[in-house]
C-alpha cells in the first residue's frame, strides 16, 4: 500500500495536469486542514480531497461539505 504522502503527490500531479493549482495540507479553518486543495481558473472550480485509511468517511464528507468546494473527493483505501 502506498504511503499517504505518495497518494497526495500522485493526486497533486494529476490535478495539475488538468489545470488545477494544488496545495497539500491546506488549512480550511484555524484548526482544520485537508489533504489537497485545488483551484482551476480555467474551469472555475475548487476541489477538496481527503485521503484516509481508517477515519470515518461520513465525518470527512460532512466536514468538506461545510466549506463549499465545488468538487469533493474522499479517497479511502
Protein backbone atom coordinates (compact mmCIF):
# COMPACT_ATOMS: atom_id res chain seq x y z
CA UNK A 1 0.00 0.00 0.00
CA UNK A 2 1.44 3.40 -0.95
CA UNK A 3 2.20 5.90 1.79
CA UNK A 4 -0.19 8.77 2.44
CA UNK A 5 2.27 11.30 1.04
CA UNK A 6 2.72 9.23 -2.14
CA UNK A 7 -1.03 9.29 -2.75
CA UNK A 8 -1.06 13.06 -2.14
CA UNK A 9 1.80 13.58 -4.59
CA UNK A 10 0.14 11.42 -7.25
CA UNK A 11 -3.20 13.24 -6.98
CA UNK A 12 -1.46 16.63 -6.92
CA UNK A 13 0.32 15.83 -10.19
CA UNK A 14 -2.90 14.54 -11.73
CA UNK A 15 -4.84 17.68 -10.82
CA UNK A 16 -2.04 19.93 -12.05
CA UNK A 17 -2.19 18.12 -15.38
CA UNK A 18 -5.86 19.14 -15.57
CA UNK A 19 -5.05 22.81 -14.88
CA UNK A 20 -5.58 22.96 -11.12
CA UNK A 21 -3.29 24.88 -8.81
CA UNK A 22 -2.93 22.49 -5.85
CA UNK A 23 -1.82 22.83 -2.24
CA UNK A 24 -1.11 19.90 0.06
CA UNK A 25 -2.19 20.06 3.71
CA UNK A 26 -4.11 23.32 3.36
CA UNK A 27 -5.83 24.82 6.38
CA UNK A 28 -9.52 25.39 5.72
CA UNK A 29 -10.15 26.83 9.17
CA UNK A 30 -7.86 27.80 12.05
CA UNK A 31 -7.71 24.21 13.29
CA UNK A 32 -8.79 22.04 10.33
CA UNK A 33 -6.89 21.11 7.22
CA UNK A 34 -7.44 18.93 4.19
CA UNK A 35 -5.03 16.75 2.30
CA UNK A 36 -5.39 18.56 -1.02
CA UNK A 37 -6.99 21.82 -2.08
CA UNK A 38 -7.16 22.86 -5.69
CA UNK A 39 -8.47 25.69 -7.79
CA UNK A 40 -8.75 25.88 -11.54
CA UNK A 41 -9.23 29.30 -13.04
CA UNK A 42 -9.98 27.89 -16.48
CA UNK A 43 -12.66 25.55 -15.09
CA UNK A 44 -13.74 27.99 -12.35
CA UNK A 45 -13.84 25.13 -9.83
CA UNK A 46 -12.47 24.40 -6.39
CA UNK A 47 -11.71 20.91 -5.18
CA UNK A 48 -11.17 19.45 -1.73
CA UNK A 49 -9.69 15.99 -1.28
CA UNK A 50 -9.26 13.97 1.88
CA UNK A 51 -7.19 10.78 1.84
CA UNK A 52 -7.93 8.33 4.62
CA UNK A 53 -7.01 4.85 5.71
CA UNK A 54 -9.22 4.40 8.75
CA UNK A 55 -11.21 7.54 9.54
CA UNK A 56 -14.97 7.99 9.34
CA UNK A 57 -15.80 8.78 5.70
CA UNK A 58 -19.13 10.34 6.63
CA UNK A 59 -17.42 12.73 9.05
CA UNK A 60 -14.88 13.70 6.37
CA UNK A 61 -17.66 14.28 3.80
CA UNK A 62 -19.64 16.47 6.18
CA UNK A 63 -16.54 18.48 7.07
CA UNK A 64 -15.61 19.06 3.43
CA UNK A 65 -19.20 19.96 2.50
CA UNK A 66 -19.25 22.73 5.12
CA UNK A 67 -16.58 24.64 3.20
CA UNK A 68 -18.43 24.78 -0.11
CA UNK A 69 -15.95 23.19 -2.51
CA UNK A 70 -17.32 22.66 -5.99
CA UNK A 71 -15.85 19.14 -6.08
CA UNK A 72 -15.29 16.89 -3.07
CA UNK A 73 -13.44 13.60 -3.08
CA UNK A 74 -12.61 11.22 -0.29
CA UNK A 75 -10.06 8.57 -1.12
CA UNK A 76 -10.50 5.64 1.29
CA UNK A 77 -8.15 2.71 0.98
